[in-house]
Amino acid sequence: MKHIILRDQKGVALVIALLMLLILTLIGISSMSTAWFETKISGNEWFGSQAFYAAKGGVEVGINNLPNINAYSGNIGTDETYRSGMSTSSSPQPLIDLGLMQTGGFGATWQFERYQINATGSSFIGATREVEVQVSYGPFPAGTQYNN
């Protein structure tokens, strides 16, 4: 049996170098694709956070307006928010009066007014977040007529 020995190996180094270059190119393309995808995710999260904070601001406006149960609609944000080109808006719905309730620790001689506040915040690219809060307002002496 005769062994064949390749004596001319001049092209092997070039083939190995090209294969290594191909592998490194594929790793680079994969890394760039992953980085682009992660950037998109973090950008969407940032816009979602801006919408959430706008909705939270709407809830705080609603809480500050208690016991008035009129709706509020308008923009909520800081001057820095508007300077950066980010416009956030919040549009709380009318407060819902859930009636009277008693709370532990106050006994039967005190009662609280309950309200539900719903707010929707949005960022300028269309991301929206909704926040719903139930609030107790009081205490008031039981059996009295509390006027809204």
C-alpha atoms as a PDB file:
ATOM      1  CA  MET A   1       0.000   0.000   0.000  1.00  0.00           C
ATOM      2  CA  LYS A   2       1.416   3.275  -1.044  1.00  0.00           C
ATOM      3  CA  HIS A   3       0.876   6.466   1.037  1.00  0.00           C
ATOM      4  CA  ILE A   4       0.250   9.605  -0.868  1.00  0.00           C
ATOM      5  CA  ILE A   5       1.939  12.573   0.744  1.00  0.00           C
ATOM      6  CA  LEU A   6       0.964  16.054  -0.337  1.00  0.00           C
ATOM      7  CA  ARG A   7       4.198  17.820  -0.870  1.00  0.00           C
ATOM      8  CA  ASP A   8       2.795  21.058  -2.289  1.00  0.00           C
ATOM      9  CA  GLN A   9       0.908  22.766   0.588  1.00  0.00           C
ATOM     10  CA  LYS A  10       1.272  26.396  -0.475  1.00  0.00           C
ATOM     11  CA  GLY A  11      -2.527  27.083  -0.726  1.00  0.00           C
ATOM     12  CA  VAL A  12      -3.522  25.600   2.658  1.00  0.00           C
ATOM     13  CA  ALA A  13      -2.626  28.729   4.625  1.00  0.00           C
ATOM     14  CA  LEU A  14      -4.738  30.866   2.284  1.00  0.00           C
ATOM     15  CA  VAL A  15      -7.759  28.555   2.645  1.00  0.00           C
ATOM     16  CA  ILE A  16      -7.469  28.540   6.447  1.00  0.00           C
ATOM     17  CA  ALA A  17      -7.084  32.345   6.512  1.00  0.00           C
ATOM     18  CA  LEU A  18     -10.184  32.794   4.334  1.00  0.00           C
ATOM     19  CA  LEU A  19     -12.225  30.430   6.546  1.00  0.00           C
ATOM     20  CA  MET A  20     -11.140  32.353   9.663  1.00  0.00           C
ATOM     21  CA  LEU A  21     -12.054  35.640   7.965  1.00  0.00           C
ATOM     22  CA  LEU A  22     -15.483  34.239   7.045  1.00  0.00           C
ATOM     23  CA  ILE A  23     -16.105  33.082  10.640  1.00  0.00           C
ATOM     24  CA  LEU A  24     -15.031  36.458  12.079  1.00  0.00           C
ATOM     25  CA  THR A  25     -17.242  38.289   9.560  1.00  0.00           C
ATOM     26  CA  LEU A  26     -20.280  36.213  10.582  1.00  0.00           C
ATOM     27  CA  ILE A  27     -19.563  36.884  14.276  1.00  0.00           C
ATOM     28  CA  GLY A  28     -19.266  40.625  13.541  1.00  0.00           C
ATOM     29  CA  ILE A  29     -22.547  40.724  11.602  1.00  0.00           C
ATOM     30  CA  SER A  30     -24.287  38.806  14.380  1.00  0.00           C
ATOM     31  CA  SER A  31     -22.918  41.222  17.003  1.00  0.00           C
ATOM     32  CA  MET A  32     -24.054  44.254  15.005  1.00  0.00           C
ATOM     33  CA  SER A  33     -27.527  42.776  14.565  1.00  0.00           C
ATOM     34  CA  THR A  34     -27.806  42.043  18.297  1.00  0.00           C
ATOM     35  CA  ALA A  35     -26.616  45.550  19.217  1.00  0.00           C
ATOM     36  CA  TRP A  36     -29.158  47.137  16.829  1.00  0.00           C
ATOM     37  CA  PHE A  37     -31.966  44.996  18.252  1.00  0.00           C
ATOM     38  CA  GLU A  38     -31.013  45.847  21.862  1.00  0.00           C
ATOM     39  CA  THR A  39     -30.912  49.550  20.974  1.00  0.00           C
ATOM     40  CA  LYS A  40     -34.442  49.340  19.580  1.00  0.00           C
ATOM     41  CA  ILE A  41     -35.641  47.564  22.743  1.00  0.00           C
ATOM     42  CA  SER A  42     -34.100  50.168  25.061  1.00  0.00           C
ATOM     43  CA  GLY A  43     -35.553  53.005  22.960  1.00  0.00           C
ATOM     44  CA  ASN A  44     -39.035  51.497  23.148  1.00  0.00           C
ATOM     45  CA  GLU A  45     -38.637  51.042  26.904  1.00  0.00           C
ATOM     46  CA  TRP A  46     -37.632  54.702  27.254  1.00  0.00           C
ATOM     47  CA  PHE A  47     -40.684  55.910  25.334  1.00  0.00           C
ATOM     48  CA  GLY A  48     -42.893  53.569  27.361  1.00  0.00           C
ATOM     49  CA  SER A  49     -41.438  55.003  30.572  1.00  0.00           C
ATOM     50  CA  GLN A  50     -42.170  58.535  29.378  1.00  0.00           C
ATOM     51  CA  ALA A  51     -45.797  57.547  28.677  1.00  0.00           C
ATOM     52  CA  PHE A  52     -46.083  55.907  32.114  1.00  0.00           C
ATOM     53  CA  TYR A  53     -44.774  59.006  33.886  1.00  0.00           C
ATOM     54  CA  ALA A  54     -47.201  61.172  31.910  1.00  0.00           C
ATOM     55  CA  ALA A  55     -50.061  58.913  33.084  1.00  0.00           C
ATOM     56  CA  LYS A  56     -48.714  59.056  36.627  1.00  0.00           C
ATOM     57  CA  GLY A  57     -48.720  62.855  36.395  1.00  0.00           C
ATOM     58  CA  GLY A  58     -52.358  62.690  35.298  1.00  0.00           C
ATOM     59  CA  VAL A  59     -53.189  60.592  38.350  1.00  0.00           C
ATOM     60  CA  GLU A  60     -51.440  63.122  40.600  1.00  0.00           C
ATOM     61  CA  VAL A  61     -53.428  65.954  39.007  1.00  0.00           C
ATOM     62  CA  GLY A  62     -56.597  63.937  39.675  1.00  0.00           C
ATOM     63  CA  ILE A  63     -55.618  63.365  43.308  1.00  0.00           C
ATOM     64  CA  ASN A  64     -54.863  67.071  43.751  1.00  0.00           C
ATOM     65  CA  ASN A  65     -58.331  67.905  42.393  1.00  0.00           C
ATOM     66  CA  LEU A  66     -60.169  65.731  44.943  1.00  0.00           C
ATOM     67  CA  PRO A  67     -63.019  65.962  45.789  1.00  0.00           C
ATOM     68  CA  ASN A  68     -63.847  67.719  42.478  1.00  0.00           C
ATOM     69  CA  ILE A  69     -64.721  64.935  40.011  1.00  0.00           C
ATOM     70  CA  ASN A  70     -64.370  66.856  36.747  1.00  0.00           C
ATOM     71  CA  ALA A  71     -62.124  65.482  34.007  1.00  0.00           C
ATOM     72  CA  TYR A  72     -58.732  66.989  33.227  1.00  0.00           C
ATOM     73  CA  SER A  73     -57.113  66.853  29.825  1.00  0.00           C
ATOM     74  CA  GLY A  74     -53.831  68.457  28.862  1.00  0.00           C
ATOM     75  CA  ASN A  75     -50.063  68.200  28.649  1.00  0.00           C
ATOM     76  CA  ILE A  76     -47.974  67.297  31.657  1.00  0.00           C
ATOM     77  CA  GLY A  77     -44.204  67.606  31.610  1.00  0.00           C
ATOM     78  CA  THR A  78     -41.187  69.707  32.464  1.00  0.00           C
ATOM     79  CA  ASP A  79     -39.557  72.418  30.384  1.00  0.00           C
ATOM     80  CA  GLU A  80     -36.630  70.050  29.792  1.00  0.00           C
ATOM     81  CA  THR A  81     -39.049  67.477  28.365  1.00  0.00           C
ATOM     82  CA  TYR A  82     -40.363  69.969  25.803  1.00  0.00           C
ATOM     83  CA  ARG A  83     -36.896  71.336  24.936  1.00  0.00           C
ATOM     84  CA  SER A  84     -35.653  67.838  24.075  1.00  0.00           C
ATOM     85  CA  GLY A  85     -38.471  67.416  21.554  1.00  0.00           C
ATOM     86  CA  MET A  86     -40.331  64.946  23.742  1.00  0.00           C
ATOM     87  CA  SER A  87     -43.980  65.802  24.081  1.00  0.00           C
ATOM     88  CA  THR A  88     -45.924  63.880  26.652  1.00  0.00           C
ATOM     89  CA  SER A  89     -49.596  64.198  27.304  1.00  0.00           C
ATOM     90  CA  SER A  90     -51.959  62.828  29.845  1.00  0.00           C
ATOM     91  CA  SER A  91     -55.728  62.647  29.702  1.00  0.00           C
ATOM     92  CA  PRO A  92     -57.323  61.487  32.935  1.00  0.00           C
ATOM     93  CA  GLN A  93     -60.908  60.371  32.717  1.00  0.00           C
ATOM     94  CA  PRO A  94     -63.564  61.768  35.064  1.00  0.00           C
ATOM     95  CA  LEU A  95     -63.061  60.600  38.629  1.00  0.00           C
ATOM     96  CA  ILE A  96     -65.489  57.889  39.655  1.00  0.00           C
ATOM     97  CA  ASP A  97     -67.131  58.290  43.048  1.00  0.00           C
ATOM     98  CA  LEU A  98     -67.196  54.821  44.634  1.00  0.00           C
ATOM     99  CA  GLY A  99     -69.208  55.970  47.679  1.00  0.00           C
ATOM    100  CA  LEU A 100     -68.505  55.826  51.383  1.00  0.00           C
ATOM    101  CA  MET A 101     -66.514  53.187  53.228  1.00  0.00           C
ATOM    102  CA  GLN A 102     -65.215  52.550  56.708  1.00  0.00           C
ATOM    103  CA  THR A 103     -61.529  52.023  57.390  1.00  0.00           C
ATOM    104  CA  GLY A 104     -59.948  49.989  60.145  1.00  0.00           C
ATOM    105  CA  GLY A 105     -58.617  51.987  63.065  1.00  0.00           C
ATOM    106  CA  PHE A 106     -61.216  54.740  62.773  1.00  0.00           C
ATOM    107  CA  GLY A 107     -64.241  52.946  64.166  1.00  0.00           C
ATOM    108  CA  ALA A 108     -67.835  53.270  63.041  1.00  0.00           C
ATOM    109  CA  THR A 109     -67.981  57.017  63.721  1.00  0.00           C
ATOM    110  CA  TRP A 110     -65.755  57.886  60.753  1.00  0.00           C
ATOM    111  CA  GLN A 111     -66.062  57.204  57.038  1.00  0.00           C
ATOM    112  CA  PHE A 112     -64.102  57.918  53.862  1.00  0.00           C
ATOM    113  CA  GLU A 113     -65.081  58.919  50.336  1.00  0.00           C
ATOM    114  CA  ARG A 114     -63.620  56.542  47.730  1.00  0.00           C
ATOM    115  CA  TYR A 115     -62.658  57.577  44.210  1.00  0.00           C
ATOM    116  CA  GLN A 116     -61.213  55.817  41.199  1.00  0.00           C
ATOM    117  CA  ILE A 117     -58.826  57.782  38.977  1.00  0.00           C
ATOM    118  CA  ASN A 118     -57.984  56.566  35.456  1.00  0.00           C
ATOM    119  CA  ALA A 119     -55.260  58.252  33.388  1.00  0.00           C
ATOM    120  CA  THR A 120     -53.682  57.486  30.024  1.00  0.00           C
ATOM    121  CA  GLY A 121     -50.259  58.865  29.133  1.00  0.00           C
ATOM    122  CA  SER A 122     -48.688  58.920  25.706  1.00  0.00           C
ATOM    123  CA  SER A 123     -45.319  59.822  24.214  1.00  0.00           C
ATOM    124  CA  PHE A 124     -44.844  61.550  20.894  1.00  0.00           C
ATOM    125  CA  ILE A 125     -44.140  58.284  19.025  1.00  0.00           C
ATOM    126  CA  GLY A 126     -47.459  56.808  20.113  1.00  0.00           C
ATOM    127  CA  ALA A 127     -46.474  54.684  23.108  1.00  0.00           C
ATOM    128  CA  THR A 128     -49.319  54.703  25.641  1.00  0.00           C
ATOM    129  CA  ARG A 129     -49.649  53.572  29.233  1.00  0.00           C
ATOM    130  CA  GLU A 130     -52.751  53.497  31.414  1.00  0.00           C
ATOM    131  CA  VAL A 131     -52.832  53.912  35.201  1.00  0.00           C
ATOM    132  CA  GLU A 132     -55.838  53.246  37.441  1.00  0.00           C
ATOM    133  CA  VAL A 133     -55.820  54.240  41.119  1.00  0.00           C
ATOM    134  CA  GLN A 134     -58.423  53.968  43.869  1.00  0.00           C
ATOM    135  CA  VAL A 135     -58.149  56.649  46.538  1.00  0.00           C
ATOM    136  CA  SER A 136     -59.725  57.076  49.983  1.00  0.00           C
ATOM    137  CA  TYR A 137     -60.495  60.705  50.910  1.00  0.00           C
ATOM    138  CA  GLY A 138     -61.321  61.604  54.487  1.00  0.00           C
ATOM    139  CA  PRO A 139     -62.021  60.909  57.327  1.00  0.00           C
ATOM    140  CA  PHE A 140     -65.447  62.472  57.751  1.00  0.00           C
ATOM    141  CA  PRO A 141     -67.834  62.008  60.664  1.00  0.00           C
ATOM    142  CA  ALA A 142     -70.229  59.143  59.894  1.00  0.00           C
ATOM    143  CA  GLY A 143     -73.812  60.090  59.087  1.00  0.00           C
ATOM    144  CA  THR A 144     -72.941  63.553  57.775  1.00  0.00           C
ATOM    145  CA  GLN A 145     -73.617  64.699  54.260  1.00  0.00           C
ATOM    146  CA  TYR A 146     -70.326  65.335  52.536  1.00  0.00           C
ATOM    147  CA  ASN A 147     -70.815  67.570  49.483  1.00  0.00           C
ATOM    148  CA  ASN A 148     -68.647  67.024  46.444  1.00  0.00           C
END
